[in-house]
C-alpha atoms as a PDB file:
ATOM      1  CA  MET A   1     131.337   0.464  23.605  1.00  0.00           C
ATOM      2  CA  GLY A   2     128.341  -0.931  21.046  1.00  0.00           C
ATOM      3  CA  GLU A   3     124.720  -0.691  22.576  1.00  0.00           C
ATOM      4  CA  ASP A   4     124.091  -4.589  22.787  1.00  0.00           C
ATOM      5  CA  LYS A   5     127.462  -4.189  25.135  1.00  0.00           C
ATOM      6  CA  VAL A   6     125.437  -1.571  27.624  1.00  0.00           C
ATOM      7  CA  ILE A   7     125.614  -3.179  30.968  1.00  0.00           C
ATOM      8  CA  TYR A   8     122.400  -3.375  33.279  1.00  0.00           C
ATOM      9  CA  LYS A   9     120.422  -1.619  29.819  1.00  0.00           C
ATOM     10  CA  GLU A  10     116.787  -2.530  30.838  1.00  0.00           C
ATOM     11  CA  GLU A  11     117.767  -1.797  34.514  1.00  0.00           C
ATOM     12  CA  SER A  12     118.460   0.945  33.928  1.00  0.00           C
ATOM     13  CA  TYR A  13     115.684   2.369  31.748  1.00  0.00           C
ATOM     14  CA  LYS A  14     113.413   1.067  34.415  1.00  0.00           C
ATOM     15  CA  ILE A  15     115.615   3.314  36.881  1.00  0.00           C
ATOM     16  CA  VAL A  16     115.269   6.421  35.395  1.00  0.00           C
ATOM     17  CA  GLY A  17     111.539   5.540  33.869  1.00  0.00           C
ATOM     18  CA  CYS A  18     110.645   6.505  37.803  1.00  0.00           C
ATOM     19  CA  CYS A  19     113.297   9.229  38.283  1.00  0.00           C
ATOM     20  CA  PHE A  20     110.722  10.605  34.885  1.00  0.00           C
ATOM     21  CA  LYS A  21     107.590  10.364  36.135  1.00  0.00           C
ATOM     22  CA  VAL A  22     108.580  11.700  39.436  1.00  0.00           C
ATOM     23  CA  PHE A  23     110.373  14.611  38.372  1.00  0.00           C
ATOM     24  CA  ASN A  24     106.480  14.900  35.438  1.00  0.00           C
ATOM     25  CA  GLN A  25     104.541  14.735  38.767  1.00  0.00           C
ATOM     26  CA  LEU A  26     106.538  17.090  41.105  1.00  0.00           C
ATOM     27  CA  GLY A  27     107.862  19.099  39.061  1.00  0.00           C
ATOM     28  CA  ALA A  28     111.164  21.166  40.071  1.00  0.00           C
ATOM     29  CA  GLY A  29     111.615  23.417  43.401  1.00  0.00           C
ATOM     30  CA  HIS A  30     111.830  20.323  45.703  1.00  0.00           C
ATOM     31  CA  ARG A  31     114.662  18.563  48.647  1.00  0.00           C
ATOM     32  CA  GLU A  32     115.981  16.033  47.305  1.00  0.00           C
ATOM     33  CA  LYS A  33     114.803  14.248  50.148  1.00  0.00           C
ATOM     34  CA  THR A  34     111.513  14.854  48.643  1.00  0.00           C
ATOM     35  CA  TYR A  35     111.477  13.858  45.335  1.00  0.00           C
ATOM     36  CA  GLN A  36     114.142  10.460  47.244  1.00  0.00           C
ATOM     37  CA  THR A  37     110.585   9.702  49.218  1.00  0.00           C
ATOM     38  CA  ALA A  38     108.675  10.002  46.328  1.00  0.00           C
ATOM     39  CA  LEU A  39     111.425   7.550  44.395  1.00  0.00           C
ATOM     40  CA  ALA A  40     110.449   5.059  46.548  1.00  0.00           C
ATOM     41  CA  GLU A  41     107.227   5.076  45.986  1.00  0.00           C
ATOM     42  CA  VAL A  42     106.858   4.840  42.517  1.00  0.00           C
ATOM     43  CA  PHE A  43     109.592   2.213  42.622  1.00  0.00           C
ATOM     44  CA  LYS A  44     107.688   0.130  46.004  1.00  0.00           C
ATOM     45  CA  LEU A  45     104.192   0.911  43.251  1.00  0.00           C
ATOM     46  CA  LYS A  46     105.973  -0.812  39.924  1.00  0.00           C
ATOM     47  CA  ASN A  47     108.041  -4.082  42.313  1.00  0.00           C
ATOM     48  CA  ILE A  48     111.535  -2.576  41.461  1.00  0.00           C
ATOM     49  CA  GLU A  49     114.034  -4.582  44.134  1.00  0.00           C
ATOM     50  CA  PHE A  50     115.159  -0.535  46.170  1.00  0.00           C
ATOM     51  CA  LYS A  51     117.920  -0.813  49.505  1.00  0.00           C
ATOM     52  CA  GLU A  52     117.324   3.197  50.630  1.00  0.00           C
ATOM     53  CA  GLN A  53     120.523   4.824  52.519  1.00  0.00           C
ATOM     54  CA  PHE A  54     122.325   1.690  52.144  1.00  0.00           C
ATOM     55  CA  TYR A  55     125.394   1.545  54.316  1.00  0.00           C
ATOM     56  CA  LEU A  56     128.349   0.929  53.427  1.00  0.00           C
ATOM     57  CA  SER A  57     131.980   1.043  55.667  1.00  0.00           C
ATOM     58  CA  VAL A  58     134.765   1.532  54.002  1.00  0.00           C
ATOM     59  CA  LYS A  59     138.342  -0.775  55.710  1.00  0.00           C
ATOM     60  CA  ILE A  60     141.460  -0.878  55.014  1.00  0.00           C
ATOM     61  CA  GLY A  61     142.353  -3.918  56.000  1.00  0.00           C
ATOM     62  CA  ASP A  62     139.920  -4.576  58.972  1.00  0.00           C
ATOM     63  CA  LYS A  63     139.777  -1.138  60.370  1.00  0.00           C
ATOM     64  CA  ILE A  64     136.437   0.507  59.491  1.00  0.00           C
ATOM     65  CA  ILE A  65     137.520   3.439  58.074  1.00  0.00           C
ATOM     66  CA  ASP A  66     134.575   6.031  56.717  1.00  0.00           C
ATOM     67  CA  LYS A  67     130.739   4.824  56.223  1.00  0.00           C
ATOM     68  CA  ARG A  68     128.856   5.940  53.404  1.00  0.00           C
ATOM     69  CA  PHE A  69     125.393   5.945  52.568  1.00  0.00           C
ATOM     70  CA  PHE A  70     123.999   5.805  48.806  1.00  0.00           C
ATOM     71  CA  ASP A  71     120.640   7.216  48.464  1.00  0.00           C
ATOM     72  CA  PHE A  72     119.515   4.120  46.868  1.00  0.00           C
ATOM     73  CA  LEU A  73     120.729   0.273  46.219  1.00  0.00           C
ATOM     74  CA  VAL A  74     118.722  -0.850  42.902  1.00  0.00           C
ATOM     75  CA  LEU A  75     117.693  -4.481  41.813  1.00  0.00           C
ATOM     76  CA  GLY A  76     120.779  -5.064  44.182  1.00  0.00           C
ATOM     77  CA  ARG A  77     123.363  -3.807  41.827  1.00  0.00           C
ATOM     78  CA  ILE A  78     123.271  -0.725  40.414  1.00  0.00           C
ATOM     79  CA  VAL A  79     124.045   2.614  42.997  1.00  0.00           C
ATOM     80  CA  LEU A  80     121.581   5.500  42.051  1.00  0.00           C
ATOM     81  CA  GLU A  81     122.702   9.390  43.249  1.00  0.00           C
ATOM     82  CA  LEU A  82     119.924  11.698  43.809  1.00  0.00           C
ATOM     83  CA  LYS A  83     120.858  15.473  43.459  1.00  0.00           C
ATOM     84  CA  VAL A  84     119.189  19.132  43.485  1.00  0.00           C
ATOM     85  CA  GLY A  85     120.615  21.184  40.829  1.00  0.00           C
ATOM     86  CA  ASP A  86     120.549  22.339  37.004  1.00  0.00           C
ATOM     87  CA  HIS A  87     124.144  20.479  36.293  1.00  0.00           C
ATOM     88  CA  PHE A  88     126.676  18.070  36.863  1.00  0.00           C
ATOM     89  CA  HIS A  89     129.372  18.210  38.875  1.00  0.00           C
ATOM     90  CA  LYS A  90     133.440  17.387  39.088  1.00  0.00           C
ATOM     91  CA  ARG A  91     132.225  16.158  42.917  1.00  0.00           C
ATOM     92  CA  ASP A  92     129.067  14.689  42.648  1.00  0.00           C
ATOM     93  CA  ILE A  93     130.177  12.539  39.927  1.00  0.00           C
ATOM     94  CA  GLU A  94     133.107  11.642  41.391  1.00  0.00           C
ATOM     95  CA  GLN A  95     131.694  10.691  44.866  1.00  0.00           C
ATOM     96  CA  LEU A  96     129.843   7.961  42.964  1.00  0.00           C
ATOM     97  CA  HIS A  97     132.780   6.328  41.656  1.00  0.00           C
ATOM     98  CA  SER A  98     133.927   6.163  45.086  1.00  0.00           C
ATOM     99  CA  TYR A  99     130.808   4.522  45.850  1.00  0.00           C
ATOM    100  CA  LEU A 100     131.343   1.749  43.424  1.00  0.00           C
ATOM    101  CA  ARG A 101     135.084   1.658  43.837  1.00  0.00           C
ATOM    102  CA  SER A 102     134.524   1.066  47.743  1.00  0.00           C
ATOM    103  CA  SER A 103     131.714  -1.051  47.025  1.00  0.00           C
ATOM    104  CA  SER A 104     132.577  -3.179  43.870  1.00  0.00           C
ATOM    105  CA  LEU A 105     129.698  -2.791  42.148  1.00  0.00           C
ATOM    106  CA  LYS A 106     130.453  -1.431  37.741  1.00  0.00           C
ATOM    107  CA  LEU A 107     127.002   0.883  37.696  1.00  0.00           C
ATOM    108  CA  GLY A 108     126.019   4.485  39.291  1.00  0.00           C
ATOM    109  CA  ILE A 109     123.836   6.205  38.014  1.00  0.00           C
ATOM    110  CA  LEU A 110     123.594  10.024  39.287  1.00  0.00           C
ATOM    111  CA  VAL A 111     119.531  11.508  38.752  1.00  0.00           C
ATOM    112  CA  ASN A 112     119.267  15.891  38.811  1.00  0.00           C
ATOM    113  CA  PHE A 113     116.268  16.963  39.638  1.00  0.00           C
ATOM    114  CA  ALA A 114     116.923  19.907  37.770  1.00  0.00           C
ATOM    115  CA  SER A 115     114.621  23.060  36.920  1.00  0.00           C
ATOM    116  CA  THR A 116     113.844  21.625  33.113  1.00  0.00           C
ATOM    117  CA  GLY A 117     112.786  18.423  34.086  1.00  0.00           C
ATOM    118  CA  ALA A 118     115.074  14.949  35.073  1.00  0.00           C
ATOM    119  CA  ASN A 119     119.078  14.413  33.781  1.00  0.00           C
ATOM    120  CA  PHE A 120     120.588  11.225  34.238  1.00  0.00           C
ATOM    121  CA  ARG A 121     124.428  10.236  34.254  1.00  0.00           C
ATOM    122  CA  ARG A 122     124.933   6.826  33.621  1.00  0.00           C
ATOM    123  CA  VAL A 123     128.732   6.058  36.034  1.00  0.00           C
ATOM    124  CA  LEU A 124     131.153   2.900  35.091  1.00  0.00           C
ATOM    125  CA  ASN A 125     133.050   1.517  37.577  1.00  0.00           C
ATOM    126  CA  ALA A 126     136.117   0.585  35.916  1.00  0.00           C
ATOM    127  CA  TYR A 127     138.914  -0.164  38.264  1.00  0.00           C
END
């Protein structure tokens, strides 16, 4: 996919920039919830629309079989999941894929607040 075809390029840049800002102010070693609270404040300061702990029901037919909560739904179309640790784990990427499939959203961003900085990975819904 060419650079001009990157989905939600500008929006992703803003979201990731906010994550870097949070890490630069707080540094390493905090709990995930601390980064989440700080990021919500940065989104508010920058007037970026978001919903925190966004609820999604998983259904088979009309029956709800599970409930999922995203850390953030940003700008009404990007799932943002926060983690604390130095590595991206397969289970976290798979979790984000399942959120995207269940919601029919196209893009998720996984952010790890690591000892060396905020690292991110874009995850596309290929289904």
